[in-house]
N, C-alpha and C. Protein backbone atom coordinates (compact mmCIF):
# COMPACT_ATOMS: atom_id res chain seq x y z
N UNK A 1 0.83 -1.19 0.00
CA UNK A 1 0.00 0.00 0.00
C UNK A 1 0.87 1.24 0.00
N UNK A 2 0.37 2.31 -0.60
CA UNK A 2 1.09 3.58 -0.66
C UNK A 2 0.77 4.43 0.55
N UNK A 3 0.99 5.69 0.42
CA UNK A 3 0.75 6.63 1.52
C UNK A 3 -0.74 6.74 1.80
N UNK A 4 -1.06 6.99 3.05
CA UNK A 4 -2.44 7.25 3.49
C UNK A 4 -3.40 6.12 3.12
N UNK A 5 -2.92 4.90 2.96
CA UNK A 5 -3.79 3.77 2.68
C UNK A 5 -4.28 3.70 1.26
N UNK A 6 -3.76 4.51 0.36
CA UNK A 6 -4.17 4.49 -1.04
C UNK A 6 -3.39 3.39 -1.76
N UNK A 7 -3.97 2.89 -2.84
CA UNK A 7 -3.24 1.89 -3.62
C UNK A 7 -2.09 2.59 -4.35
N UNK A 8 -0.94 1.92 -4.46
CA UNK A 8 0.22 2.58 -5.08
C UNK A 8 0.01 2.77 -6.58
N UNK A 9 0.52 3.85 -7.07
CA UNK A 9 0.46 4.15 -8.50
C UNK A 9 1.66 3.50 -9.17
N UNK A 10 1.47 2.76 -10.26
CA UNK A 10 2.60 2.08 -10.89
C UNK A 10 3.61 3.04 -11.52
N UNK A 11 3.23 4.31 -11.72
CA UNK A 11 4.15 5.26 -12.32
C UNK A 11 5.11 5.86 -11.31
N UNK A 12 4.86 5.63 -10.02
CA UNK A 12 5.70 6.21 -8.98
C UNK A 12 6.66 5.14 -8.50
N UNK A 13 7.94 5.44 -8.60
CA UNK A 13 8.95 4.51 -8.12
C UNK A 13 9.34 4.92 -6.71
N UNK A 14 9.19 4.00 -5.76
CA UNK A 14 9.52 4.33 -4.38
C UNK A 14 10.87 3.73 -4.01
N UNK A 15 11.62 4.45 -3.21
CA UNK A 15 12.92 3.98 -2.75
C UNK A 15 12.80 3.54 -1.30
N UNK A 16 13.53 2.48 -0.94
CA UNK A 16 13.46 1.94 0.42
C UNK A 16 14.32 2.71 1.40
N UNK A 17 15.37 3.38 0.93
CA UNK A 17 16.26 4.07 1.86
C UNK A 17 15.55 5.28 2.45
N UNK A 18 15.70 5.48 3.76
CA UNK A 18 15.02 6.61 4.40
C UNK A 18 15.68 7.93 4.02
N UNK A 19 14.91 8.96 4.09
CA UNK A 19 15.42 10.31 3.85
C UNK A 19 15.14 11.10 5.13
N UNK A 20 16.12 11.76 5.63
CA UNK A 20 16.02 12.37 6.95
C UNK A 20 15.05 13.54 7.00
N UNK A 21 14.91 14.30 5.91
CA UNK A 21 14.13 15.53 5.98
C UNK A 21 12.76 15.42 5.32
N UNK A 22 12.31 14.22 4.96
CA UNK A 22 11.03 14.15 4.26
C UNK A 22 9.84 13.97 5.19
N UNK A 23 10.08 13.71 6.45
CA UNK A 23 8.98 13.57 7.41
C UNK A 23 8.15 12.31 7.19
N UNK A 24 8.68 11.37 6.47
CA UNK A 24 7.97 10.13 6.17
C UNK A 24 8.31 9.09 7.22
N UNK A 25 7.33 8.61 7.95
CA UNK A 25 7.62 7.68 9.04
C UNK A 25 7.78 6.24 8.57
N UNK A 26 7.30 5.92 7.35
CA UNK A 26 7.38 4.53 6.90
C UNK A 26 8.71 4.19 6.24
N UNK A 27 9.64 5.14 6.17
CA UNK A 27 10.96 4.84 5.62
C UNK A 27 11.00 4.83 4.11
N UNK A 28 9.92 5.23 3.45
CA UNK A 28 9.92 5.27 1.98
C UNK A 28 9.85 6.71 1.52
N UNK A 29 10.39 6.97 0.37
CA UNK A 29 10.23 8.28 -0.23
C UNK A 29 10.05 8.09 -1.73
N UNK A 30 9.38 9.02 -2.34
CA UNK A 30 9.22 8.97 -3.79
C UNK A 30 10.46 9.58 -4.39
N UNK A 31 11.03 8.90 -5.38
CA UNK A 31 12.24 9.40 -6.03
C UNK A 31 12.00 10.76 -6.68
N UNK A 32 13.00 11.55 -6.73
CA UNK A 32 13.12 12.84 -7.40
C UNK A 32 12.15 13.92 -6.96
N UNK A 33 11.48 13.78 -5.81
CA UNK A 33 10.67 14.88 -5.30
C UNK A 33 10.91 15.03 -3.81
N UNK A 34 10.62 16.19 -3.29
CA UNK A 34 10.73 16.45 -1.86
C UNK A 34 9.34 16.80 -1.36
N UNK A 35 8.85 16.06 -0.38
CA UNK A 35 7.51 16.27 0.15
C UNK A 35 7.51 17.40 1.16
N UNK A 36 6.55 18.27 1.06
CA UNK A 36 6.37 19.33 2.05
C UNK A 36 5.03 19.11 2.73
N UNK A 37 4.71 19.94 3.71
CA UNK A 37 3.41 19.81 4.36
C UNK A 37 2.27 20.05 3.38
N UNK A 38 2.46 21.03 2.47
CA UNK A 38 1.45 21.30 1.45
C UNK A 38 1.24 20.06 0.56
N UNK A 39 2.36 19.40 0.20
CA UNK A 39 2.27 18.19 -0.62
C UNK A 39 1.48 17.10 0.12
N UNK A 40 1.75 16.95 1.41
CA UNK A 40 1.03 15.95 2.19
C UNK A 40 -0.46 16.28 2.26
N UNK A 41 -0.79 17.57 2.42
CA UNK A 41 -2.19 17.98 2.44
C UNK A 41 -2.86 17.67 1.10
N UNK A 42 -2.21 18.06 0.00
CA UNK A 42 -2.79 17.81 -1.32
C UNK A 42 -2.89 16.32 -1.60
N UNK A 43 -1.87 15.54 -1.16
CA UNK A 43 -1.90 14.10 -1.36
C UNK A 43 -3.06 13.48 -0.59
N UNK A 44 -3.30 13.94 0.62
CA UNK A 44 -4.39 13.38 1.41
C UNK A 44 -5.75 13.73 0.82
N UNK A 45 -5.86 14.89 0.15
CA UNK A 45 -7.14 15.27 -0.44
C UNK A 45 -7.38 14.64 -1.81
N UNK A 46 -6.33 14.47 -2.60
CA UNK A 46 -6.51 13.98 -3.98
C UNK A 46 -6.03 12.55 -4.17
N UNK A 47 -5.16 12.07 -3.30
CA UNK A 47 -4.60 10.74 -3.48
C UNK A 47 -3.47 10.73 -4.50
N UNK A 48 -3.04 11.91 -4.94
CA UNK A 48 -1.98 12.00 -5.93
C UNK A 48 -0.76 12.67 -5.31
N UNK A 49 0.44 12.18 -5.64
CA UNK A 49 1.64 12.84 -5.15
C UNK A 49 1.81 14.19 -5.85
N UNK A 50 2.66 15.08 -5.31
CA UNK A 50 2.78 16.44 -5.82
C UNK A 50 3.19 16.52 -7.29
N UNK A 51 3.94 15.56 -7.79
CA UNK A 51 4.34 15.63 -9.19
C UNK A 51 3.15 15.40 -10.13
N UNK A 52 2.04 14.92 -9.61
CA UNK A 52 0.85 14.70 -10.42
C UNK A 52 -0.14 15.86 -10.29
N UNK A 53 0.25 16.91 -9.60
CA UNK A 53 -0.65 18.05 -9.39
C UNK A 53 -0.07 19.29 -10.05
N UNK A 54 -0.94 20.05 -10.67
CA UNK A 54 -0.54 21.32 -11.26
C UNK A 54 -0.83 22.41 -10.24
N UNK A 55 0.10 23.33 -10.03
CA UNK A 55 -0.16 24.43 -9.09
C UNK A 55 -1.40 25.22 -9.50
N UNK A 56 -2.08 25.79 -8.50
CA UNK A 56 -3.34 26.49 -8.72
C UNK A 56 -3.22 27.62 -9.73
N UNK A 57 -2.17 28.41 -9.64
CA UNK A 57 -1.98 29.52 -10.58
C UNK A 57 -1.88 29.02 -12.02
N UNK A 58 -1.14 27.93 -12.21
CA UNK A 58 -1.00 27.35 -13.54
C UNK A 58 -2.35 26.80 -14.02
N UNK A 59 -3.10 26.19 -13.12
CA UNK A 59 -4.42 25.69 -13.49
C UNK A 59 -5.32 26.82 -13.97
N UNK A 60 -5.36 27.91 -13.22
CA UNK A 60 -6.21 29.04 -13.58
C UNK A 60 -5.78 29.61 -14.93
N UNK A 61 -4.49 29.79 -15.11
CA UNK A 61 -3.98 30.33 -16.37
C UNK A 61 -4.31 29.41 -17.54
N UNK A 62 -4.06 28.10 -17.38
CA UNK A 62 -4.32 27.15 -18.46
C UNK A 62 -5.82 27.08 -18.79
N UNK A 63 -6.66 27.10 -17.76
CA UNK A 63 -8.10 27.11 -18.00
C UNK A 63 -8.53 28.36 -18.75
N UNK A 64 -8.02 29.50 -18.33
CA UNK A 64 -8.38 30.76 -18.99
C UNK A 64 -7.93 30.74 -20.45
N UNK A 65 -6.72 30.30 -20.71
CA UNK A 65 -6.22 30.27 -22.09
C UNK A 65 -7.04 29.31 -22.94
N UNK A 66 -7.31 28.12 -22.42
CA UNK A 66 -8.05 27.14 -23.23
C UNK A 66 -9.47 27.61 -23.52
N UNK A 67 -10.13 28.20 -22.53
CA UNK A 67 -11.49 28.71 -22.75
C UNK A 67 -11.48 29.89 -23.72
N UNK A 68 -10.51 30.79 -23.57
CA UNK A 68 -10.42 31.94 -24.47
C UNK A 68 -10.13 31.50 -25.91
N UNK A 69 -9.24 30.54 -26.09
CA UNK A 69 -8.96 30.04 -27.44
C UNK A 69 -10.22 29.42 -28.04
N UNK A 70 -10.92 28.62 -27.26
CA UNK A 70 -12.15 27.98 -27.74
C UNK A 70 -13.18 29.03 -28.16
N UNK A 71 -13.42 30.02 -27.30
CA UNK A 71 -14.40 31.07 -27.60
C UNK A 71 -13.96 31.88 -28.82
N UNK A 72 -12.67 32.22 -28.88
CA UNK A 72 -12.16 32.99 -30.00
C UNK A 72 -12.35 32.25 -31.33
N UNK A 73 -12.05 30.96 -31.36
CA UNK A 73 -12.18 30.18 -32.60
C UNK A 73 -13.65 30.07 -32.99
N UNK A 74 -14.53 29.82 -32.03
CA UNK A 74 -15.96 29.74 -32.34
C UNK A 74 -16.45 31.08 -32.89
N UNK A 75 -16.00 32.19 -32.30
CA UNK A 75 -16.40 33.51 -32.78
C UNK A 75 -15.88 33.77 -34.19
N UNK A 76 -14.64 33.35 -34.46
CA UNK A 76 -14.08 33.54 -35.81
C UNK A 76 -14.86 32.74 -36.84
N UNK A 77 -15.27 31.53 -36.49
CA UNK A 77 -16.08 30.72 -37.41
C UNK A 77 -17.45 31.36 -37.60
N UNK A 78 -18.03 31.85 -36.52
CA UNK A 78 -19.35 32.48 -36.58
C UNK A 78 -19.34 33.72 -37.47
N UNK A 79 -18.26 34.49 -37.41
CA UNK A 79 -18.14 35.70 -38.23
C UNK A 79 -17.64 35.40 -39.65
N UNK A 80 -17.42 34.14 -39.94
CA UNK A 80 -16.92 33.68 -41.23
C UNK A 80 -15.53 34.23 -41.56
N UNK A 81 -14.74 34.44 -40.55
CA UNK A 81 -13.35 34.83 -40.75
C UNK A 81 -12.43 33.62 -40.75
N UNK A 82 -12.96 32.49 -40.29
CA UNK A 82 -12.23 31.23 -40.26
C UNK A 82 -13.18 30.13 -40.69
N UNK A 83 -12.72 29.32 -41.61
CA UNK A 83 -13.57 28.23 -42.10
C UNK A 83 -13.57 27.08 -41.09
N UNK A 84 -14.65 26.31 -41.12
CA UNK A 84 -14.80 25.20 -40.17
C UNK A 84 -13.67 24.20 -40.30
N UNK A 85 -13.22 23.95 -41.52
CA UNK A 85 -12.19 22.94 -41.74
C UNK A 85 -10.88 23.30 -41.04
N UNK A 86 -10.61 24.59 -40.86
CA UNK A 86 -9.39 25.01 -40.17
C UNK A 86 -9.59 25.12 -38.66
N UNK A 87 -10.81 25.21 -38.24
CA UNK A 87 -11.08 25.39 -36.81
C UNK A 87 -10.96 24.10 -36.01
N UNK A 88 -11.08 22.96 -36.66
CA UNK A 88 -11.10 21.68 -35.94
C UNK A 88 -9.83 21.48 -35.13
N UNK A 89 -8.68 21.70 -35.74
CA UNK A 89 -7.42 21.48 -35.04
C UNK A 89 -7.28 22.40 -33.83
N UNK A 90 -7.71 23.66 -33.97
CA UNK A 90 -7.63 24.61 -32.87
C UNK A 90 -8.61 24.24 -31.75
N UNK A 91 -9.81 23.83 -32.12
CA UNK A 91 -10.79 23.45 -31.09
C UNK A 91 -10.35 22.20 -30.33
N UNK A 92 -9.82 21.23 -31.05
CA UNK A 92 -9.33 20.01 -30.39
C UNK A 92 -8.19 20.36 -29.44
N UNK A 93 -7.31 21.24 -29.85
CA UNK A 93 -6.19 21.66 -29.00
C UNK A 93 -6.69 22.34 -27.72
N UNK A 94 -7.67 23.22 -27.84
CA UNK A 94 -8.18 23.89 -26.64
C UNK A 94 -8.89 22.91 -25.71
N UNK A 95 -9.59 21.94 -26.27
CA UNK A 95 -10.25 20.93 -25.44
C UNK A 95 -9.21 20.05 -24.74
N UNK A 96 -8.15 19.67 -25.44
CA UNK A 96 -7.09 18.87 -24.82
C UNK A 96 -6.42 19.66 -23.69
N UNK A 97 -6.18 20.94 -23.92
CA UNK A 97 -5.61 21.79 -22.85
C UNK A 97 -6.54 21.81 -21.63
N UNK A 98 -7.82 21.96 -21.88
CA UNK A 98 -8.81 22.02 -20.80
C UNK A 98 -8.81 20.71 -20.01
N UNK A 99 -8.80 19.59 -20.71
CA UNK A 99 -8.84 18.27 -20.05
C UNK A 99 -7.55 18.04 -19.25
N UNK A 100 -6.41 18.44 -19.81
CA UNK A 100 -5.15 18.20 -19.12
C UNK A 100 -5.01 19.01 -17.83
N UNK A 101 -5.76 20.09 -17.71
CA UNK A 101 -5.74 20.84 -16.45
C UNK A 101 -6.34 19.99 -15.34
N UNK A 102 -7.42 19.29 -15.65
CA UNK A 102 -8.09 18.47 -14.63
C UNK A 102 -7.51 17.07 -14.52
N UNK A 103 -6.91 16.60 -15.58
CA UNK A 103 -6.31 15.26 -15.59
C UNK A 103 -4.81 15.38 -15.84
N UNK A 104 -4.14 16.14 -14.99
CA UNK A 104 -2.71 16.37 -15.14
C UNK A 104 -1.93 15.06 -15.06
N UNK A 105 -2.47 14.10 -14.33
CA UNK A 105 -1.77 12.81 -14.24
C UNK A 105 -1.70 12.12 -15.60
N UNK A 106 -2.61 12.43 -16.51
CA UNK A 106 -2.52 11.89 -17.87
C UNK A 106 -1.28 12.44 -18.57
N UNK A 107 -1.02 13.71 -18.39
CA UNK A 107 0.17 14.31 -18.97
C UNK A 107 1.42 13.67 -18.37
N UNK A 108 1.41 13.43 -17.08
CA UNK A 108 2.54 12.78 -16.43
C UNK A 108 2.69 11.34 -16.95
N UNK A 109 1.57 10.66 -17.17
CA UNK A 109 1.62 9.30 -17.71
C UNK A 109 2.19 9.28 -19.13
N UNK A 110 1.77 10.24 -19.95
CA UNK A 110 2.32 10.33 -21.31
C UNK A 110 3.80 10.65 -21.25
N UNK A 111 4.18 11.51 -20.33
CA UNK A 111 5.59 11.84 -20.14
C UNK A 111 6.39 10.59 -19.80
N UNK A 112 5.87 9.79 -18.89
CA UNK A 112 6.52 8.54 -18.52
C UNK A 112 6.55 7.57 -19.70
N UNK A 113 5.46 7.51 -20.44
CA UNK A 113 5.33 6.57 -21.57
C UNK A 113 6.32 6.90 -22.68
N UNK A 114 6.51 8.19 -22.99
CA UNK A 114 7.44 8.54 -24.08
C UNK A 114 8.88 8.64 -23.59
N UNK A 115 9.07 8.55 -22.28
CA UNK A 115 10.42 8.56 -21.74
C UNK A 115 11.00 9.95 -21.55
N UNK A 116 10.16 10.96 -21.52
CA UNK A 116 10.64 12.33 -21.31
C UNK A 116 10.97 12.53 -19.84
N UNK A 117 11.76 13.55 -19.58
CA UNK A 117 12.18 13.79 -18.20
C UNK A 117 11.20 14.64 -17.41
N UNK A 118 10.40 15.46 -18.10
CA UNK A 118 9.43 16.28 -17.38
C UNK A 118 8.21 16.52 -18.27
N UNK A 119 7.14 16.95 -17.63
CA UNK A 119 5.92 17.23 -18.38
C UNK A 119 6.09 18.43 -19.30
N UNK A 120 7.02 19.32 -18.98
CA UNK A 120 7.31 20.45 -19.85
C UNK A 120 7.85 19.97 -21.19
N UNK A 121 8.70 18.96 -21.15
CA UNK A 121 9.22 18.37 -22.38
C UNK A 121 8.09 17.79 -23.21
N UNK A 122 7.16 17.11 -22.55
CA UNK A 122 6.03 16.53 -23.26
C UNK A 122 5.17 17.61 -23.91
N UNK A 123 4.95 18.72 -23.20
CA UNK A 123 4.18 19.82 -23.77
C UNK A 123 4.91 20.44 -24.96
N UNK A 124 6.22 20.54 -24.87
CA UNK A 124 7.00 21.08 -25.99
C UNK A 124 6.89 20.17 -27.20
N UNK A 125 7.01 18.88 -26.98
CA UNK A 125 6.86 17.92 -28.08
C UNK A 125 5.45 17.99 -28.65
N UNK A 126 4.45 18.10 -27.77
CA UNK A 126 3.07 18.24 -28.24
C UNK A 126 2.87 19.50 -29.07
N UNK A 127 3.51 20.60 -28.66
CA UNK A 127 3.43 21.84 -29.43
C UNK A 127 4.06 21.68 -30.80
N UNK A 128 5.19 20.99 -30.85
CA UNK A 128 5.84 20.76 -32.15
C UNK A 128 4.97 19.88 -33.05
N UNK A 129 4.34 18.87 -32.48
CA UNK A 129 3.43 18.03 -33.26
C UNK A 129 2.25 18.85 -33.76
N UNK A 130 1.72 19.73 -32.91
CA UNK A 130 0.62 20.61 -33.32
C UNK A 130 1.04 21.47 -34.50
N UNK A 131 2.22 22.09 -34.40
CA UNK A 131 2.70 22.95 -35.49
C UNK A 131 2.96 22.13 -36.76
N UNK A 132 3.43 20.91 -36.60
CA UNK A 132 3.64 20.04 -37.76
C UNK A 132 2.30 19.73 -38.45
N UNK A 133 1.28 19.39 -37.65
CA UNK A 133 -0.04 19.12 -38.22
C UNK A 133 -0.62 20.35 -38.89
N UNK A 134 -0.41 21.50 -38.29
CA UNK A 134 -0.88 22.75 -38.89
C UNK A 134 -0.17 23.01 -40.22
N UNK A 135 1.13 22.77 -40.27
CA UNK A 135 1.88 22.94 -41.52
C UNK A 135 1.41 21.96 -42.60
N UNK A 136 1.16 20.73 -42.21
CA UNK A 136 0.66 19.74 -43.18
C UNK A 136 -0.70 20.17 -43.71
N UNK A 137 -1.57 20.65 -42.82
CA UNK A 137 -2.88 21.11 -43.25
C UNK A 137 -2.77 22.25 -44.25
N UNK A 138 -1.88 23.20 -43.98
CA UNK A 138 -1.68 24.33 -44.90
C UNK A 138 -1.06 23.87 -46.22
N UNK A 139 -0.13 22.92 -46.17
CA UNK A 139 0.48 22.41 -47.40
C UNK A 139 -0.56 21.72 -48.28
N UNK A 140 -1.45 20.98 -47.67
CA UNK A 140 -2.52 20.32 -48.43
C UNK A 140 -3.40 21.37 -49.10
N UNK A 141 -3.76 22.40 -48.35
CA UNK A 141 -4.61 23.46 -48.91
C UNK A 141 -3.88 24.22 -50.01
N UNK A 142 -2.61 24.54 -49.82
CA UNK A 142 -1.83 25.25 -50.84
C UNK A 142 -1.71 24.41 -52.10
N UNK A 143 -1.50 23.10 -51.95
CA UNK A 143 -1.42 22.23 -53.12
C UNK A 143 -2.74 22.23 -53.89
N UNK A 144 -3.83 22.16 -53.17
CA UNK A 144 -5.15 22.17 -53.80
C UNK A 144 -5.39 23.49 -54.52
N UNK A 145 -5.04 24.59 -53.88
CA UNK A 145 -5.21 25.91 -54.51
C UNK A 145 -4.30 26.08 -55.72
N UNK A 146 -3.08 25.56 -55.66
CA UNK A 146 -2.17 25.63 -56.80
C UNK A 146 -2.74 24.89 -58.00
N UNK A 147 -3.32 23.71 -57.76
CA UNK A 147 -3.95 22.97 -58.86
C UNK A 147 -5.14 23.73 -59.42
N UNK A 148 -5.92 24.37 -58.55
CA UNK A 148 -7.07 25.15 -59.03
C UNK A 148 -6.61 26.34 -59.88
N UNK A 149 -5.55 27.03 -59.45
CA UNK A 149 -5.03 28.17 -60.21
C UNK A 149 -4.51 27.70 -61.58
N UNK A 150 -3.82 26.58 -61.60
CA UNK A 150 -3.32 26.03 -62.87
C UNK A 150 -4.48 25.71 -63.81
N UNK A 151 -5.50 25.03 -63.28
CA UNK A 151 -6.67 24.68 -64.10
C UNK A 151 -7.39 25.93 -64.61
N UNK A 152 -7.55 26.93 -63.75
CA UNK A 152 -8.20 28.18 -64.17
C UNK A 152 -7.38 28.93 -65.20
N UNK A 153 -6.06 28.93 -65.07
CA UNK A 153 -5.20 29.60 -66.05
C UNK A 153 -5.30 28.92 -67.41
N UNK A 154 -5.29 27.60 -67.41
CA UNK A 154 -5.42 26.87 -68.67
C UNK A 154 -6.79 27.11 -69.30
N UNK A 155 -7.81 27.10 -68.49
CA UNK A 155 -9.16 27.36 -68.99
C UNK A 155 -9.27 28.78 -69.53
N UNK A 156 -8.67 29.73 -68.85
CA UNK A 156 -8.67 31.12 -69.29
C UNK A 156 -7.94 31.26 -70.63
N UNK A 157 -6.80 30.57 -70.79
CA UNK A 157 -6.06 30.63 -72.05
C UNK A 157 -6.88 30.03 -73.19
N UNK A 158 -7.57 28.93 -72.93
CA UNK A 158 -8.41 28.32 -73.97
C UNK A 158 -9.56 29.25 -74.35
N UNK A 159 -10.20 29.88 -73.36
CA UNK A 159 -11.29 30.81 -73.66
C UNK A 159 -10.79 32.03 -74.43
N UNK A 160 -9.61 32.54 -74.05
CA UNK A 160 -9.03 33.68 -74.76
C UNK A 160 -8.75 33.33 -76.22
N UNK A 161 -8.23 32.13 -76.45
CA UNK A 161 -7.96 31.67 -77.82
C UNK A 161 -9.26 31.54 -78.60
N UNK A 162 -10.28 31.01 -77.96
CA UNK A 162 -11.58 30.86 -78.61
C UNK A 162 -12.19 32.22 -78.95
N UNK A 163 -12.08 33.19 -78.06
CA UNK A 163 -12.57 34.55 -78.33
C UNK A 163 -11.79 35.16 -79.49
N UNK A 164 -10.50 34.93 -79.53
CA UNK A 164 -9.67 35.44 -80.63
C UNK A 164 -10.09 34.85 -81.97
N UNK A 165 -10.32 33.57 -82.00
CA UNK A 165 -10.77 32.90 -83.23
C UNK A 165 -12.12 33.44 -83.66
N UNK A 166 -13.06 33.57 -82.73
CA UNK A 166 -14.39 34.08 -83.07
C UNK A 166 -14.33 35.53 -83.54
N UNK A 167 -13.47 36.33 -82.92
CA UNK A 167 -13.37 37.73 -83.34
C UNK A 167 -12.78 37.84 -84.74
N UNK A 168 -11.83 36.98 -85.11
CA UNK A 168 -11.30 36.98 -86.48
C UNK A 168 -12.34 36.51 -87.48
N UNK A 169 -13.11 35.50 -87.06
CA UNK A 169 -14.12 34.95 -87.96
C UNK A 169 -15.19 35.97 -88.28
N UNK A 170 -15.64 36.74 -87.30
CA UNK A 170 -16.72 37.68 -87.52
C UNK A 170 -16.22 39.11 -87.75
N UNK A 171 -14.92 39.27 -87.76
CA UNK A 171 -14.33 40.55 -88.08
C UNK A 171 -14.47 41.61 -87.02
N UNK A 172 -14.66 41.24 -85.82
CA UNK A 172 -14.80 42.24 -84.73
C UNK A 172 -13.43 42.73 -84.31
N UNK A 173 -13.37 43.97 -83.91
CA UNK A 173 -12.11 44.54 -83.43
C UNK A 173 -12.04 44.38 -81.91
N UNK A 174 -10.83 44.31 -81.44
CA UNK A 174 -10.63 44.18 -80.01
C UNK A 174 -10.61 45.50 -79.32
């Protein structure tokens, strides 16, 4: 059993050697963190160690940003300044940000799963993947528009040639 009678989390590695300043009476400590009274209070209320908790200020900021991004994108779509096809990636990102505020342990689990050293690294990698997906989406759209411009230019040249032939045939001046 883990601290406070909770079942142990498989993502937390516990060390058997005692640590003099952690205030832990059972002789165990969680690797790479230092427990404080605040950590013990939060652990007793949530059942999660401090590394699985986001500080309150960060939670408020992340919630505000995710809600503002969501509202901003919906408003841009409503005003027809942003097409629905481009809004999906932004809306999904804001929803993922919102969920990760409440399920921060998921971010820590993904961090553990990919072998990163901190959740900040995982967020940076996630940001790079987001930018990569955004670039791919824009490349697809640019390719489609390039093909449309080519087709329209060819069609315009054919129509211009046809107008030229008709004007010569009927003797009209340009």
